[in-house]
Amino acid sequence: MQLEESDVILFLVDSEESIVDQDLKLINIIAEQGKPLFNWIK
């Protein structure tokens, strides 16, 4: 999986759509991997 090979994760969210359940699931997977996470809301 690409996540395991990554050093940093950039997670983009569309501010018009807000964060949805699928976004939260992905954020939790990233957090479990212990990777630095940068969240950008545009």
C-alpha atoms as a PDB file:
ATOM      1  CA  MET A   1       0.000   0.000   0.000  1.00  0.00           C
ATOM      2  CA  GLN A   2       1.301   3.479  -0.848  1.00  0.00           C
ATOM      3  CA  LEU A   3       0.449   4.752   2.620  1.00  0.00           C
ATOM      4  CA  GLU A   4       3.037   2.478   4.206  1.00  0.00           C
ATOM      5  CA  GLU A   5       5.764   3.842   1.912  1.00  0.00           C
ATOM      6  CA  SER A   6       4.854   7.515   2.510  1.00  0.00           C
ATOM      7  CA  ASP A   7       6.688   9.784   4.934  1.00  0.00           C
ATOM      8  CA  VAL A   8       3.985  12.476   5.089  1.00  0.00           C
ATOM      9  CA  ILE A   9       0.299  12.472   4.117  1.00  0.00           C
ATOM     10  CA  LEU A  10      -1.505  15.513   2.683  1.00  0.00           C
ATOM     11  CA  PHE A  11      -5.269  15.127   3.018  1.00  0.00           C
ATOM     12  CA  LEU A  12      -7.404  17.542   0.986  1.00  0.00           C
ATOM     13  CA  VAL A  13     -11.034  18.307   1.828  1.00  0.00           C
ATOM     14  CA  ASP A  14     -13.515  20.365  -0.201  1.00  0.00           C
ATOM     15  CA  SER A  15     -14.982  22.925   2.206  1.00  0.00           C
ATOM     16  CA  GLU A  16     -18.252  22.980   0.288  1.00  0.00           C
ATOM     17  CA  GLU A  17     -18.730  19.263   0.964  1.00  0.00           C
ATOM     18  CA  SER A  18     -17.389  19.181   4.535  1.00  0.00           C
ATOM     19  CA  ILE A  19     -15.817  16.079   6.061  1.00  0.00           C
ATOM     20  CA  VAL A  20     -17.846  12.911   5.465  1.00  0.00           C
ATOM     21  CA  ASP A  21     -17.685   9.460   7.061  1.00  0.00           C
ATOM     22  CA  GLN A  22     -15.308   8.125   4.403  1.00  0.00           C
ATOM     23  CA  ASP A  23     -12.904  11.012   5.120  1.00  0.00           C
ATOM     24  CA  LEU A  24     -12.947  10.158   8.830  1.00  0.00           C
ATOM     25  CA  LYS A  25     -12.217   6.502   8.081  1.00  0.00           C
ATOM     26  CA  LEU A  26      -9.202   7.477   5.973  1.00  0.00           C
ATOM     27  CA  ILE A  27      -7.957   9.890   8.639  1.00  0.00           C
ATOM     28  CA  ASN A  28      -8.198   7.098  11.231  1.00  0.00           C
ATOM     29  CA  ILE A  29      -6.244   4.684   8.992  1.00  0.00           C
ATOM     30  CA  ILE A  30      -3.530   7.303   8.530  1.00  0.00           C
ATOM     31  CA  ALA A  31      -3.414   8.004  12.279  1.00  0.00           C
ATOM     32  CA  GLU A  32      -3.079   4.283  13.038  1.00  0.00           C
ATOM     33  CA  GLN A  33      -0.014   4.183  10.777  1.00  0.00           C
ATOM     34  CA  GLY A  34       1.570   6.955  12.858  1.00  0.00           C
ATOM     35  CA  LYS A  35       2.265   9.104   9.790  1.00  0.00           C
ATOM     36  CA  PRO A  36       2.396  12.903   9.954  1.00  0.00           C
ATOM     37  CA  LEU A  37      -0.891  14.223   8.569  1.00  0.00           C
ATOM     38  CA  PHE A  38      -1.514  17.659   7.104  1.00  0.00           C
ATOM     39  CA  ASN A  39      -5.165  18.484   6.466  1.00  0.00           C
ATOM     40  CA  TRP A  40      -5.928  21.183   3.916  1.00  0.00           C
ATOM     41  CA  ILE A  41      -9.479  22.489   3.617  1.00  0.00           C
ATOM     42  CA  LYS A  42     -10.201  24.516   0.517  1.00  0.00           C
END
